[in-house]
Each structure stands twice: as structure tokens, then as C-alpha cells.
Amino acid sequence: MSALDSYRLPARADRADFFTRIMDAVTLWHDARQTRRTLARFSDRELSDIGLSRDDLDRIGR
């Protein structure tokens, strides 16, 4: 029975790691989306003050 249990552990670990990586990717995507959305509300002057332009917004988080 212990051989069977040791066989199953890596599969569970792989699945957990897989879902963790998916959740990390979704979290990064969501954070970048929120950042782009917030920056899109800035005026051109405000973007210029922080060293960005409207064209830069498309490249953030991609």
C-alpha cells in the first residue's frame, strides 16, 4: 500500500503545482489589467509626469 501512496503523491503535487501556476498567471493578468485601467483614466499630462504616454499603456503587463 505504501508503494501505491508514494506513486500518487507526485501526481497530486503536479496537479497542485499546475493549478497554482494557473492562479498565479490569472492574478498577474488581473493586476496588469487593473493597472492599465487605472492609468487609462489619467490625463496625458499626468501620464507625462510619470514618464508614460498612451502608447505605453498597451505594453504594460504584456
PDB file of N, CA and C in Angstrom:
ATOM      1  N   MET A   1       0.813  -1.201   0.000  1.00  0.00           N
ATOM      2  CA  MET A   1       0.000   0.000   0.000  1.00  0.00           C
ATOM      3  C   MET A   1       0.855   1.263   0.000  1.00  0.00           C
ATOM      4  N   SER A   2       1.980   1.216   0.684  1.00  0.00           N
ATOM      5  CA  SER A   2       2.820   2.407   0.720  1.00  0.00           C
ATOM      6  C   SER A   2       3.410   2.710  -0.654  1.00  0.00           C
ATOM      7  N   ALA A   3       3.671   1.680  -1.453  1.00  0.00           N
ATOM      8  CA  ALA A   3       4.167   1.911  -2.806  1.00  0.00           C
ATOM      9  C   ALA A   3       3.121   2.642  -3.635  1.00  0.00           C
ATOM     10  N   LEU A   4       1.863   2.286  -3.429  1.00  0.00           N
ATOM     11  CA  LEU A   4       0.779   2.937  -4.143  1.00  0.00           C
ATOM     12  C   LEU A   4       0.646   4.393  -3.699  1.00  0.00           C
ATOM     13  N   ASP A   5       0.762   4.637  -2.400  1.00  0.00           N
ATOM     14  CA  ASP A   5       0.677   6.004  -1.889  1.00  0.00           C
ATOM     15  C   ASP A   5       1.818   6.872  -2.411  1.00  0.00           C
ATOM     16  N   SER A   6       3.021   6.316  -2.437  1.00  0.00           N
ATOM     17  CA  SER A   6       4.150   7.111  -2.922  1.00  0.00           C
ATOM     18  C   SER A   6       4.018   7.368  -4.422  1.00  0.00           C
ATOM     19  N   TYR A   7       3.313   6.492  -5.107  1.00  0.00           N
ATOM     20  CA  TYR A   7       3.077   6.695  -6.532  1.00  0.00           C
ATOM     21  C   TYR A   7       2.091   7.844  -6.755  1.00  0.00           C
ATOM     22  N   ARG A   8       1.128   7.985  -5.887  1.00  0.00           N
ATOM     23  CA  ARG A   8       0.097   9.011  -6.066  1.00  0.00           C
ATOM     24  C   ARG A   8       0.554  10.403  -5.652  1.00  0.00           C
ATOM     25  N   LEU A   9       1.467  10.514  -4.739  1.00  0.00           N
ATOM     26  CA  LEU A   9       1.876  11.826  -4.246  1.00  0.00           C
ATOM     27  C   LEU A   9       2.404  12.751  -5.337  1.00  0.00           C
ATOM     28  N   PRO A  10       3.297  12.287  -6.215  1.00  0.00           N
ATOM     29  CA  PRO A  10       3.760  13.205  -7.255  1.00  0.00           C
ATOM     30  C   PRO A  10       2.638  13.703  -8.156  1.00  0.00           C
ATOM     31  N   ALA A  11       1.669  12.852  -8.456  1.00  0.00           N
ATOM     32  CA  ALA A  11       0.565  13.297  -9.309  1.00  0.00           C
ATOM     33  C   ALA A  11      -0.225  14.403  -8.624  1.00  0.00           C
ATOM     34  N   ARG A  12      -0.474  14.247  -7.329  1.00  0.00           N
ATOM     35  CA  ARG A  12      -1.188  15.299  -6.598  1.00  0.00           C
ATOM     36  C   ARG A  12      -0.355  16.568  -6.541  1.00  0.00           C
ATOM     37  N   ALA A  13       0.937  16.407  -6.315  1.00  0.00           N
ATOM     38  CA  ALA A  13       1.816  17.578  -6.255  1.00  0.00           C
ATOM     39  C   ALA A  13       1.853  18.274  -7.610  1.00  0.00           C
ATOM     40  N   ASP A  14       1.895  17.489  -8.690  1.00  0.00           N
ATOM     41  CA  ASP A  14       1.900  18.075 -10.028  1.00  0.00           C
ATOM     42  C   ASP A  14       0.609  18.826 -10.305  1.00  0.00           C
ATOM     43  N   ARG A  15      -0.507  18.239  -9.907  1.00  0.00           N
ATOM     44  CA  ARG A  15      -1.788  18.925 -10.105  1.00  0.00           C
ATOM     45  C   ARG A  15      -1.862  20.203  -9.293  1.00  0.00           C
ATOM     46  N   ALA A  16      -1.410  20.143  -8.053  1.00  0.00           N
ATOM     47  CA  ALA A  16      -1.429  21.334  -7.201  1.00  0.00           C
ATOM     48  C   ALA A  16      -0.535  22.413  -7.795  1.00  0.00           C
ATOM     49  N   ASP A  17       0.640  22.001  -8.267  1.00  0.00           N
ATOM     50  CA  ASP A  17       1.564  22.954  -8.879  1.00  0.00           C
ATOM     51  C   ASP A  17       0.959  23.546 -10.146  1.00  0.00           C
ATOM     52  N   PHE A  18       0.291  22.736 -10.939  1.00  0.00           N
ATOM     53  CA  PHE A  18      -0.361  23.192 -12.160  1.00  0.00           C
ATOM     54  C   PHE A  18      -1.417  24.250 -11.846  1.00  0.00           C
ATOM     55  N   PHE A  19      -2.276  23.965 -10.892  1.00  0.00           N
ATOM     56  CA  PHE A  19      -3.325  24.924 -10.541  1.00  0.00           C
ATOM     57  C   PHE A  19      -2.747  26.169  -9.879  1.00  0.00           C
ATOM     58  N   THR A  20      -1.678  26.018  -9.130  1.00  0.00           N
ATOM     59  CA  THR A  20      -1.013  27.183  -8.531  1.00  0.00           C
ATOM     60  C   THR A  20      -0.462  28.085  -9.630  1.00  0.00           C
ATOM     61  N   ARG A  21       0.161  27.474 -10.641  1.00  0.00           N
ATOM     62  CA  ARG A  21       0.699  28.273 -11.751  1.00  0.00           C
ATOM     63  C   ARG A  21      -0.412  28.965 -12.533  1.00  0.00           C
ATOM     64  N   ILE A  22      -1.535  28.294 -12.707  1.00  0.00           N
ATOM     65  CA  ILE A  22      -2.664  28.929 -13.396  1.00  0.00           C
ATOM     66  C   ILE A  22      -3.181  30.111 -12.581  1.00  0.00           C
ATOM     67  N   MET A  23      -3.352  29.913 -11.290  1.00  0.00           N
ATOM     68  CA  MET A  23      -3.844  31.002 -10.436  1.00  0.00           C
ATOM     69  C   MET A  23      -2.859  32.166 -10.407  1.00  0.00           C
ATOM     70  N   ASP A  24      -1.567  31.883 -10.383  1.00  0.00           N
ATOM     71  CA  ASP A  24      -0.559  32.939 -10.428  1.00  0.00           C
ATOM     72  C   ASP A  24      -0.657  33.730 -11.729  1.00  0.00           C
ATOM     73  N   ALA A  25      -0.837  33.024 -12.840  1.00  0.00           N
ATOM     74  CA  ALA A  25      -0.959  33.690 -14.141  1.00  0.00           C
ATOM     75  C   ALA A  25      -2.212  34.553 -14.198  1.00  0.00           C
ATOM     76  N   VAL A  26      -3.316  34.045 -13.684  1.00  0.00           N
ATOM     77  CA  VAL A  26      -4.566  34.817 -13.670  1.00  0.00           C
ATOM     78  C   VAL A  26      -4.416  36.048 -12.784  1.00  0.00           C
ATOM     79  N   THR A  27      -3.755  35.882 -11.650  1.00  0.00           N
ATOM     80  CA  THR A  27      -3.538  37.012 -10.742  1.00  0.00           C
ATOM     81  C   THR A  27      -2.675  38.084 -11.397  1.00  0.00           C
ATOM     82  N   LEU A  28      -1.609  37.670 -12.067  1.00  0.00           N
ATOM     83  CA  LEU A  28      -0.746  38.636 -12.767  1.00  0.00           C
ATOM     84  C   LEU A  28      -1.515  39.353 -13.874  1.00  0.00           C
ATOM     85  N   TRP A  29      -2.310  38.594 -14.625  1.00  0.00           N
ATOM     86  CA  TRP A  29      -3.105  39.197 -15.691  1.00  0.00           C
ATOM     87  C   TRP A  29      -4.088  40.218 -15.117  1.00  0.00           C
ATOM     88  N   HIS A  30      -4.741  39.854 -14.018  1.00  0.00           N
ATOM     89  CA  HIS A  30      -5.725  40.746 -13.411  1.00  0.00           C
ATOM     90  C   HIS A  30      -5.053  42.021 -12.877  1.00  0.00           C
ATOM     91  N   ASP A  31      -3.910  41.875 -12.237  1.00  0.00           N
ATOM     92  CA  ASP A  31      -3.193  43.041 -11.724  1.00  0.00           C
ATOM     93  C   ASP A  31      -2.771  43.974 -12.858  1.00  0.00           C
ATOM     94  N   ALA A  32      -2.274  43.406 -13.955  1.00  0.00           N
ATOM     95  CA  ALA A  32      -1.869  44.230 -15.105  1.00  0.00           C
ATOM     96  C   ALA A  32      -3.079  44.928 -15.714  1.00  0.00           C
ATOM     97  N   ARG A  33      -4.195  44.220 -15.779  1.00  0.00           N
ATOM     98  CA  ARG A  33      -5.420  44.809 -16.324  1.00  0.00           C
ATOM     99  C   ARG A  33      -5.889  45.982 -15.471  1.00  0.00           C
ATOM    100  N   GLN A  34      -5.838  45.806 -14.160  1.00  0.00           N
ATOM    101  CA  GLN A  34      -6.239  46.901 -13.265  1.00  0.00           C
ATOM    102  C   GLN A  34      -5.293  48.091 -13.398  1.00  0.00           C
ATOM    103  N   THR A  35      -4.017  47.819 -13.533  1.00  0.00           N
ATOM    104  CA  THR A  35      -3.037  48.894 -13.687  1.00  0.00           C
ATOM    105  C   THR A  35      -3.296  49.664 -14.976  1.00  0.00           C
ATOM    106  N   ARG A  36      -3.503  48.934 -16.084  1.00  0.00           N
ATOM    107  CA  ARG A  36      -3.793  49.600 -17.364  1.00  0.00           C
ATOM    108  C   ARG A  36      -5.078  50.409 -17.277  1.00  0.00           C
ATOM    109  N   ARG A  37      -6.074  49.867 -16.612  1.00  0.00           N
ATOM    110  CA  ARG A  37      -7.357  50.559 -16.476  1.00  0.00           C
ATOM    111  C   ARG A  37      -7.210  51.849 -15.671  1.00  0.00           C
ATOM    112  N   THR A  38      -6.456  51.781 -14.595  1.00  0.00           N
ATOM    113  CA  THR A  38      -6.230  52.965 -13.768  1.00  0.00           C
ATOM    114  C   THR A  38      -5.447  54.020 -14.537  1.00  0.00           C
ATOM    115  N   LEU A  39      -4.386  53.581 -15.210  1.00  0.00           N
ATOM    116  CA  LEU A  39      -3.576  54.530 -15.967  1.00  0.00           C
ATOM    117  C   LEU A  39      -4.347  55.130 -17.139  1.00  0.00           C
ATOM    118  N   ALA A  40      -5.282  54.397 -17.697  1.00  0.00           N
ATOM    119  CA  ALA A  40      -6.082  54.914 -18.808  1.00  0.00           C
ATOM    120  C   ALA A  40      -6.949  56.096 -18.363  1.00  0.00           C
ATOM    121  N   ARG A  41      -7.235  56.174 -17.084  1.00  0.00           N
ATOM    122  CA  ARG A  41      -8.032  57.292 -16.556  1.00  0.00           C
ATOM    123  C   ARG A  41      -7.203  58.568 -16.387  1.00  0.00           C
ATOM    124  N   PHE A  42      -5.880  58.434 -16.409  1.00  0.00           N
ATOM    125  CA  PHE A  42      -5.010  59.594 -16.253  1.00  0.00           C
ATOM    126  C   PHE A  42      -5.070  60.457 -17.501  1.00  0.00           C
ATOM    127  N   SER A  43      -4.882  61.744 -17.309  1.00  0.00           N
ATOM    128  CA  SER A  43      -4.794  62.650 -18.451  1.00  0.00           C
ATOM    129  C   SER A  43      -3.410  62.475 -19.094  1.00  0.00           C
ATOM    130  N   ASP A  44      -3.271  62.995 -20.306  1.00  0.00           N
ATOM    131  CA  ASP A  44      -1.967  62.916 -20.981  1.00  0.00           C
ATOM    132  C   ASP A  44      -0.893  63.620 -20.156  1.00  0.00           C
ATOM    133  N   ARG A  45      -1.261  64.692 -19.514  1.00  0.00           N
ATOM    134  CA  ARG A  45      -0.316  65.441 -18.664  1.00  0.00           C
ATOM    135  C   ARG A  45       0.134  64.579 -17.478  1.00  0.00           C
ATOM    136  N   GLU A  46      -0.803  63.916 -16.832  1.00  0.00           N
ATOM    137  CA  GLU A  46      -0.462  63.066 -15.690  1.00  0.00           C
ATOM    138  C   GLU A  46       0.419  61.897 -16.119  1.00  0.00           C
ATOM    139  N   LEU A  47       0.113  61.315 -17.257  1.00  0.00           N
ATOM    140  CA  LEU A  47       0.955  60.230 -17.765  1.00  0.00           C
ATOM    141  C   LEU A  47       2.361  60.732 -18.066  1.00  0.00           C
ATOM    142  N   SER A  48       2.440  61.912 -18.646  1.00  0.00           N
ATOM    143  CA  SER A  48       3.740  62.502 -18.947  1.00  0.00           C
ATOM    144  C   SER A  48       4.538  62.753 -17.670  1.00  0.00           C
ATOM    145  N   ASP A  49       3.856  63.160 -16.620  1.00  0.00           N
ATOM    146  CA  ASP A  49       4.526  63.410 -15.338  1.00  0.00           C
ATOM    147  C   ASP A  49       5.188  62.157 -14.773  1.00  0.00           C
ATOM    148  N   ILE A  50       4.631  60.994 -15.053  1.00  0.00           N
ATOM    149  CA  ILE A  50       5.234  59.759 -14.551  1.00  0.00           C
ATOM    150  C   ILE A  50       6.045  59.042 -15.634  1.00  0.00           C
ATOM    151  N   GLY A  51       6.272  59.727 -16.744  1.00  0.00           N
ATOM    152  CA  GLY A  51       7.147  59.201 -17.788  1.00  0.00           C
ATOM    153  C   GLY A  51       6.496  58.202 -18.724  1.00  0.00           C
ATOM    154  N   LEU A  52       5.172  58.293 -18.878  1.00  0.00           N
ATOM    155  CA  LEU A  52       4.463  57.377 -19.764  1.00  0.00           C
ATOM    156  C   LEU A  52       3.672  58.147 -20.812  1.00  0.00           C
ATOM    157  N   SER A  53       3.314  57.449 -21.878  1.00  0.00           N
ATOM    158  CA  SER A  53       2.407  58.004 -22.878  1.00  0.00           C
ATOM    159  C   SER A  53       1.273  57.012 -23.083  1.00  0.00           C
ATOM    160  N   ARG A  54       0.275  57.387 -23.838  1.00  0.00           N
ATOM    161  CA  ARG A  54      -0.853  56.486 -24.105  1.00  0.00           C
ATOM    162  C   ARG A  54      -0.375  55.201 -24.794  1.00  0.00           C
ATOM    163  N   ASP A  55       0.622  55.342 -25.655  1.00  0.00           N
ATOM    164  CA  ASP A  55       1.153  54.159 -26.352  1.00  0.00           C
ATOM    165  C   ASP A  55       1.772  53.158 -25.388  1.00  0.00           C
ATOM    166  N   ASP A  56       2.324  53.641 -24.300  1.00  0.00           N
ATOM    167  CA  ASP A  56       2.957  52.742 -23.311  1.00  0.00           C
ATOM    168  C   ASP A  56       1.940  51.868 -22.589  1.00  0.00           C
ATOM    169  N   LEU A  57       0.714  52.320 -22.489  1.00  0.00           N
ATOM    170  CA  LEU A  57      -0.299  51.572 -21.738  1.00  0.00           C
ATOM    171  C   LEU A  57      -0.569  50.196 -22.334  1.00  0.00           C
ATOM    172  N   ASP A  58      -0.481  50.082 -23.648  1.00  0.00           N
ATOM    173  CA  ASP A  58      -0.733  48.795 -24.298  1.00  0.00           C
ATOM    174  C   ASP A  58       0.342  47.763 -23.960  1.00  0.00           C
ATOM    175  N   ARG A  59       1.540  48.217 -23.660  1.00  0.00           N
ATOM    176  CA  ARG A  59       2.643  47.294 -23.391  1.00  0.00           C
ATOM    177  C   ARG A  59       2.769  46.896 -21.920  1.00  0.00           C
ATOM    178  N   ILE A  60       2.041  47.575 -21.056  1.00  0.00           N
ATOM    179  CA  ILE A  60       2.164  47.271 -19.624  1.00  0.00           C
ATOM    180  C   ILE A  60       1.539  45.912 -19.329  1.00  0.00           C
ATOM    181  N   GLY A  61       2.313  45.066 -18.728  1.00  0.00           N
ATOM    182  CA  GLY A  61       1.837  43.759 -18.310  1.00  0.00           C
ATOM    183  C   GLY A  61       1.663  42.746 -19.412  1.00  0.00           C
ATOM    184  N   ARG A  62       2.259  42.980 -20.551  1.00  0.00           N
ATOM    185  CA  ARG A  62       2.128  42.013 -21.666  1.00  0.00           C
ATOM    186  C   ARG A  62       3.474  41.501 -22.055  1.00  0.00           C
TER     187      ARG A  62
END
